[in-house]
Amino acid sequence: MTGAVTDHDVAGLQRRLAEFAAARHWEPFHTPKNLAAALSVEAAELVEIFQWLTPEESARVMDDPDSAHRVTDEVADVLAYLLQFCEVLGVDPLEALAAKIDRNEHRFPAP
């Protein structure tokens, strides 16, 4: 279905995360400080997977099903906390990224 709105858009995923948290009465814990800390922890868990790999090994990490599963789980955790953080603070993550790319294109012009 081209053009169909699914739960795989940013707003749909944020809604699912909010519903998940609400069903468990977790909203009081989802403060900007706590979500930023959780985001940092999950990003560190992603880094941990690659910590002692050579550059060549890191490029092949998705070839191993167990490693690939760990990577995708940590990516999901990082994205989930980032989306929740943005929701709590009213930040549009796609707009923030587009604006940052625009600024970087001016700061770092291509040769």
N, C-alpha and C. Protein backbone atom coordinates (compact mmCIF):
# COMPACT_ATOMS: atom_id res chain seq x y z
N MET A 1 0.84 -1.19 0.00
CA MET A 1 0.00 0.00 0.00
C MET A 1 0.88 1.24 0.00
N THR A 2 1.04 1.86 -1.10
CA THR A 2 1.84 3.06 -1.17
C THR A 2 1.07 4.22 -0.56
N GLY A 3 1.78 4.98 0.29
CA GLY A 3 1.17 6.15 0.89
C GLY A 3 0.34 5.87 2.12
N ALA A 4 0.17 4.62 2.49
CA ALA A 4 -0.63 4.29 3.67
C ALA A 4 0.12 4.68 4.94
N VAL A 5 -0.60 5.19 5.91
CA VAL A 5 0.00 5.52 7.20
C VAL A 5 0.04 4.25 8.03
N THR A 6 1.21 3.93 8.53
CA THR A 6 1.37 2.74 9.36
C THR A 6 1.95 3.15 10.70
N ASP A 7 2.09 2.19 11.58
CA ASP A 7 2.73 2.43 12.86
C ASP A 7 4.24 2.53 12.71
N HIS A 8 4.73 2.47 11.47
CA HIS A 8 6.17 2.56 11.26
C HIS A 8 6.61 3.96 10.88
N ASP A 9 5.72 4.95 11.00
CA ASP A 9 6.16 6.33 10.85
C ASP A 9 6.53 6.85 12.23
N VAL A 10 7.22 7.97 12.28
CA VAL A 10 7.72 8.49 13.56
C VAL A 10 6.57 8.74 14.53
N ALA A 11 5.54 9.41 14.08
CA ALA A 11 4.41 9.72 14.97
C ALA A 11 3.72 8.44 15.46
N GLY A 12 3.58 7.47 14.57
CA GLY A 12 2.96 6.20 14.97
C GLY A 12 3.79 5.46 15.99
N LEU A 13 5.10 5.45 15.80
CA LEU A 13 5.98 4.79 16.76
C LEU A 13 5.97 5.52 18.11
N GLN A 14 5.96 6.85 18.06
CA GLN A 14 5.88 7.61 19.32
C GLN A 14 4.57 7.32 20.04
N ARG A 15 3.50 7.21 19.30
CA ARG A 15 2.20 6.89 19.90
C ARG A 15 2.23 5.51 20.54
N ARG A 16 2.81 4.52 19.84
CA ARG A 16 2.90 3.17 20.41
C ARG A 16 3.74 3.15 21.68
N LEU A 17 4.86 3.88 21.66
CA LEU A 17 5.71 3.95 22.85
C LEU A 17 4.98 4.62 24.01
N ALA A 18 4.23 5.69 23.73
CA ALA A 18 3.48 6.37 24.78
C ALA A 18 2.39 5.47 25.34
N GLU A 19 1.71 4.73 24.48
CA GLU A 19 0.67 3.80 24.94
C GLU A 19 1.28 2.68 25.78
N PHE A 20 2.42 2.18 25.36
CA PHE A 20 3.11 1.13 26.11
C PHE A 20 3.47 1.62 27.51
N ALA A 21 4.04 2.83 27.58
CA ALA A 21 4.43 3.41 28.88
C ALA A 21 3.19 3.68 29.74
N ALA A 22 2.15 4.22 29.14
CA ALA A 22 0.93 4.55 29.89
C ALA A 22 0.28 3.30 30.47
N ALA A 23 0.26 2.22 29.72
CA ALA A 23 -0.35 0.98 30.19
C ALA A 23 0.38 0.43 31.41
N ARG A 24 1.63 0.82 31.57
CA ARG A 24 2.45 0.33 32.70
C ARG A 24 2.67 1.40 33.76
N HIS A 25 2.01 2.55 33.57
CA HIS A 25 2.12 3.68 34.50
C HIS A 25 3.56 4.16 34.66
N TRP A 26 4.27 4.21 33.55
CA TRP A 26 5.68 4.61 33.57
C TRP A 26 5.86 6.11 33.30
N GLU A 27 4.81 6.83 32.93
CA GLU A 27 4.97 8.23 32.55
C GLU A 27 5.71 9.07 33.59
N PRO A 28 5.47 8.87 34.91
CA PRO A 28 6.19 9.71 35.88
C PRO A 28 7.71 9.56 35.81
N PHE A 29 8.16 8.44 35.29
CA PHE A 29 9.60 8.18 35.20
C PHE A 29 10.20 8.67 33.89
N HIS A 30 9.36 9.02 32.93
CA HIS A 30 9.83 9.43 31.62
C HIS A 30 10.05 10.94 31.56
N THR A 31 10.93 11.41 32.44
CA THR A 31 11.33 12.81 32.45
C THR A 31 12.45 13.01 31.43
N PRO A 32 12.67 14.23 30.98
CA PRO A 32 13.79 14.45 30.06
C PRO A 32 15.12 13.93 30.62
N LYS A 33 15.39 14.16 31.89
CA LYS A 33 16.64 13.70 32.50
C LYS A 33 16.74 12.18 32.45
N ASN A 34 15.69 11.49 32.85
CA ASN A 34 15.73 10.02 32.86
C ASN A 34 15.83 9.44 31.45
N LEU A 35 15.10 10.04 30.51
CA LEU A 35 15.15 9.53 29.14
C LEU A 35 16.51 9.79 28.50
N ALA A 36 17.12 10.95 28.79
CA ALA A 36 18.47 11.22 28.27
C ALA A 36 19.47 10.23 28.85
N ALA A 37 19.34 9.92 30.14
CA ALA A 37 20.24 8.95 30.77
C ALA A 37 20.04 7.56 30.15
N ALA A 38 18.80 7.16 29.97
CA ALA A 38 18.51 5.84 29.38
C ALA A 38 19.03 5.77 27.95
N LEU A 39 18.90 6.86 27.21
CA LEU A 39 19.42 6.92 25.84
C LEU A 39 20.92 6.73 25.84
N SER A 40 21.60 7.37 26.77
CA SER A 40 23.05 7.24 26.88
C SER A 40 23.46 5.81 27.20
N VAL A 41 22.75 5.18 28.10
CA VAL A 41 23.05 3.79 28.48
C VAL A 41 22.86 2.86 27.28
N GLU A 42 21.77 3.03 26.56
CA GLU A 42 21.52 2.17 25.40
C GLU A 42 22.55 2.41 24.29
N ALA A 43 22.95 3.66 24.09
CA ALA A 43 24.00 3.94 23.10
C ALA A 43 25.30 3.28 23.53
N ALA A 44 25.60 3.29 24.82
CA ALA A 44 26.80 2.61 25.31
C ALA A 44 26.72 1.11 25.09
N GLU A 45 25.55 0.53 25.22
CA GLU A 45 25.39 -0.90 24.96
C GLU A 45 25.62 -1.22 23.48
N LEU A 46 25.26 -0.30 22.60
CA LEU A 46 25.56 -0.47 21.18
C LEU A 46 27.07 -0.39 20.94
N VAL A 47 27.71 0.57 21.56
CA VAL A 47 29.17 0.71 21.44
C VAL A 47 29.87 -0.54 21.95
N GLU A 48 29.36 -1.11 23.03
CA GLU A 48 29.98 -2.29 23.64
C GLU A 48 30.12 -3.45 22.64
N ILE A 49 29.15 -3.58 21.76
CA ILE A 49 29.20 -4.66 20.77
C ILE A 49 30.44 -4.53 19.88
N PHE A 50 30.83 -3.30 19.59
CA PHE A 50 31.92 -3.03 18.67
C PHE A 50 33.25 -2.75 19.37
N GLN A 51 33.24 -2.67 20.68
CA GLN A 51 34.38 -2.17 21.46
C GLN A 51 35.72 -2.77 21.07
N TRP A 52 35.82 -4.05 20.96
CA TRP A 52 37.11 -4.69 20.72
C TRP A 52 37.25 -5.28 19.32
N LEU A 53 36.33 -4.93 18.43
CA LEU A 53 36.41 -5.43 17.06
C LEU A 53 37.38 -4.58 16.24
N THR A 54 38.02 -5.22 15.29
CA THR A 54 38.83 -4.46 14.34
C THR A 54 37.87 -3.73 13.39
N PRO A 55 38.35 -2.76 12.64
CA PRO A 55 37.47 -2.11 11.66
C PRO A 55 36.86 -3.12 10.68
N GLU A 56 37.66 -4.10 10.28
CA GLU A 56 37.15 -5.11 9.35
C GLU A 56 36.06 -5.96 9.99
N GLU A 57 36.29 -6.38 11.24
CA GLU A 57 35.28 -7.18 11.95
C GLU A 57 34.00 -6.37 12.15
N SER A 58 34.15 -5.10 12.47
CA SER A 58 32.96 -4.28 12.70
C SER A 58 32.13 -4.13 11.42
N ALA A 59 32.79 -4.09 10.28
CA ALA A 59 32.08 -3.98 9.00
C ALA A 59 31.29 -5.24 8.68
N ARG A 60 31.67 -6.36 9.28
CA ARG A 60 31.00 -7.64 9.03
C ARG A 60 30.09 -8.08 10.18
N VAL A 61 29.83 -7.21 11.13
CA VAL A 61 29.08 -7.61 12.33
C VAL A 61 27.69 -8.15 12.01
N MET A 62 27.09 -7.69 10.93
CA MET A 62 25.74 -8.15 10.60
C MET A 62 25.74 -9.50 9.90
N ASP A 63 26.92 -10.02 9.59
CA ASP A 63 27.00 -11.35 8.97
C ASP A 63 26.71 -12.47 9.96
N ASP A 64 26.94 -12.23 11.23
CA ASP A 64 26.69 -13.22 12.28
C ASP A 64 25.28 -12.99 12.84
N PRO A 65 24.39 -13.97 12.77
CA PRO A 65 23.01 -13.76 13.23
C PRO A 65 22.91 -13.29 14.68
N ASP A 66 23.74 -13.83 15.58
CA ASP A 66 23.66 -13.40 16.98
C ASP A 66 24.09 -11.95 17.14
N SER A 67 25.17 -11.57 16.49
CA SER A 67 25.63 -10.19 16.55
C SER A 67 24.63 -9.25 15.89
N ALA A 68 24.09 -9.68 14.77
CA ALA A 68 23.10 -8.86 14.06
C ALA A 68 21.88 -8.61 14.94
N HIS A 69 21.44 -9.65 15.65
CA HIS A 69 20.29 -9.51 16.55
C HIS A 69 20.61 -8.52 17.68
N ARG A 70 21.80 -8.62 18.25
CA ARG A 70 22.20 -7.69 19.32
C ARG A 70 22.23 -6.26 18.81
N VAL A 71 22.80 -6.07 17.62
CA VAL A 71 22.88 -4.72 17.04
C VAL A 71 21.49 -4.15 16.81
N THR A 72 20.61 -4.93 16.17
CA THR A 72 19.27 -4.40 15.88
C THR A 72 18.48 -4.13 17.15
N ASP A 73 18.65 -4.96 18.18
CA ASP A 73 17.98 -4.70 19.45
C ASP A 73 18.47 -3.40 20.08
N GLU A 74 19.78 -3.16 20.05
CA GLU A 74 20.31 -1.94 20.65
C GLU A 74 19.93 -0.70 19.84
N VAL A 75 19.92 -0.84 18.51
CA VAL A 75 19.46 0.27 17.66
C VAL A 75 18.01 0.61 18.02
N ALA A 76 17.19 -0.42 18.19
CA ALA A 76 15.78 -0.20 18.56
C ALA A 76 15.67 0.49 19.92
N ASP A 77 16.48 0.07 20.88
CA ASP A 77 16.45 0.69 22.20
C ASP A 77 16.86 2.16 22.14
N VAL A 78 17.93 2.45 21.39
CA VAL A 78 18.39 3.83 21.25
C VAL A 78 17.29 4.68 20.60
N LEU A 79 16.72 4.18 19.52
CA LEU A 79 15.69 4.94 18.82
C LEU A 79 14.44 5.12 19.68
N ALA A 80 14.07 4.10 20.42
CA ALA A 80 12.89 4.20 21.29
C ALA A 80 13.07 5.30 22.32
N TYR A 81 14.22 5.31 22.99
CA TYR A 81 14.44 6.36 23.99
C TYR A 81 14.57 7.73 23.35
N LEU A 82 15.18 7.83 22.17
CA LEU A 82 15.28 9.12 21.50
C LEU A 82 13.89 9.63 21.12
N LEU A 83 13.05 8.76 20.59
CA LEU A 83 11.70 9.18 20.21
C LEU A 83 10.88 9.59 21.43
N GLN A 84 11.03 8.87 22.53
CA GLN A 84 10.31 9.25 23.75
C GLN A 84 10.82 10.58 24.29
N PHE A 85 12.13 10.78 24.26
CA PHE A 85 12.75 12.04 24.68
C PHE A 85 12.19 13.20 23.85
N CYS A 86 12.16 13.02 22.53
CA CYS A 86 11.64 14.07 21.66
C CYS A 86 10.16 14.34 21.93
N GLU A 87 9.39 13.31 22.17
CA GLU A 87 7.97 13.47 22.45
C GLU A 87 7.76 14.28 23.72
N VAL A 88 8.50 13.96 24.77
CA VAL A 88 8.35 14.65 26.05
C VAL A 88 8.70 16.13 25.92
N LEU A 89 9.71 16.44 25.12
CA LEU A 89 10.16 17.84 24.99
C LEU A 89 9.53 18.57 23.81
N GLY A 90 8.74 17.87 23.01
CA GLY A 90 8.11 18.52 21.87
C GLY A 90 9.06 18.81 20.73
N VAL A 91 10.08 17.99 20.57
CA VAL A 91 11.03 18.14 19.48
C VAL A 91 10.62 17.24 18.33
N ASP A 92 10.54 17.80 17.12
CA ASP A 92 10.29 16.99 15.93
C ASP A 92 11.64 16.46 15.48
N PRO A 93 11.91 15.16 15.65
CA PRO A 93 13.26 14.66 15.36
C PRO A 93 13.65 14.79 13.89
N LEU A 94 12.70 14.63 12.98
CA LEU A 94 13.03 14.75 11.56
C LEU A 94 13.32 16.19 11.20
N GLU A 95 12.56 17.12 11.74
CA GLU A 95 12.81 18.54 11.50
C GLU A 95 14.15 18.95 12.12
N ALA A 96 14.44 18.46 13.31
CA ALA A 96 15.71 18.77 13.96
C ALA A 96 16.88 18.28 13.12
N LEU A 97 16.76 17.08 12.58
CA LEU A 97 17.82 16.52 11.74
C LEU A 97 17.97 17.31 10.45
N ALA A 98 16.87 17.65 9.80
CA ALA A 98 16.94 18.42 8.56
C ALA A 98 17.61 19.77 8.80
N ALA A 99 17.26 20.43 9.90
CA ALA A 99 17.86 21.73 10.22
C ALA A 99 19.35 21.58 10.51
N LYS A 100 19.74 20.53 11.19
CA LYS A 100 21.15 20.29 11.50
C LYS A 100 21.94 20.02 10.22
N ILE A 101 21.39 19.23 9.31
CA ILE A 101 22.06 18.98 8.03
C ILE A 101 22.25 20.30 7.28
N ASP A 102 21.22 21.13 7.26
CA ASP A 102 21.32 22.44 6.60
C ASP A 102 22.46 23.27 7.20
N ARG A 103 22.52 23.33 8.53
CA ARG A 103 23.59 24.09 9.19
C ARG A 103 24.96 23.50 8.86
N ASN A 104 25.06 22.17 8.87
CA ASN A 104 26.35 21.54 8.58
C ASN A 104 26.78 21.75 7.13
N GLU A 105 25.82 21.82 6.22
CA GLU A 105 26.19 22.09 4.82
C GLU A 105 26.80 23.47 4.67
N HIS A 106 26.37 24.41 5.48
CA HIS A 106 26.95 25.76 5.46
C HIS A 106 28.27 25.79 6.21
N ARG A 107 28.36 25.09 7.32
CA ARG A 107 29.59 25.07 8.13
C ARG A 107 30.72 24.33 7.44
N PHE A 108 30.36 23.26 6.75
CA PHE A 108 31.37 22.38 6.13
C PHE A 108 31.07 22.22 4.64
N PRO A 109 31.30 23.26 3.84
CA PRO A 109 30.98 23.15 2.41
C PRO A 109 31.83 22.09 1.73
N ALA A 110 31.24 21.44 0.76
CA ALA A 110 31.97 20.43 -0.01
C ALA A 110 33.05 21.13 -0.84
N PRO A 111 34.21 20.47 -1.01
CA PRO A 111 35.29 21.10 -1.79
C PRO A 111 34.90 21.23 -3.27
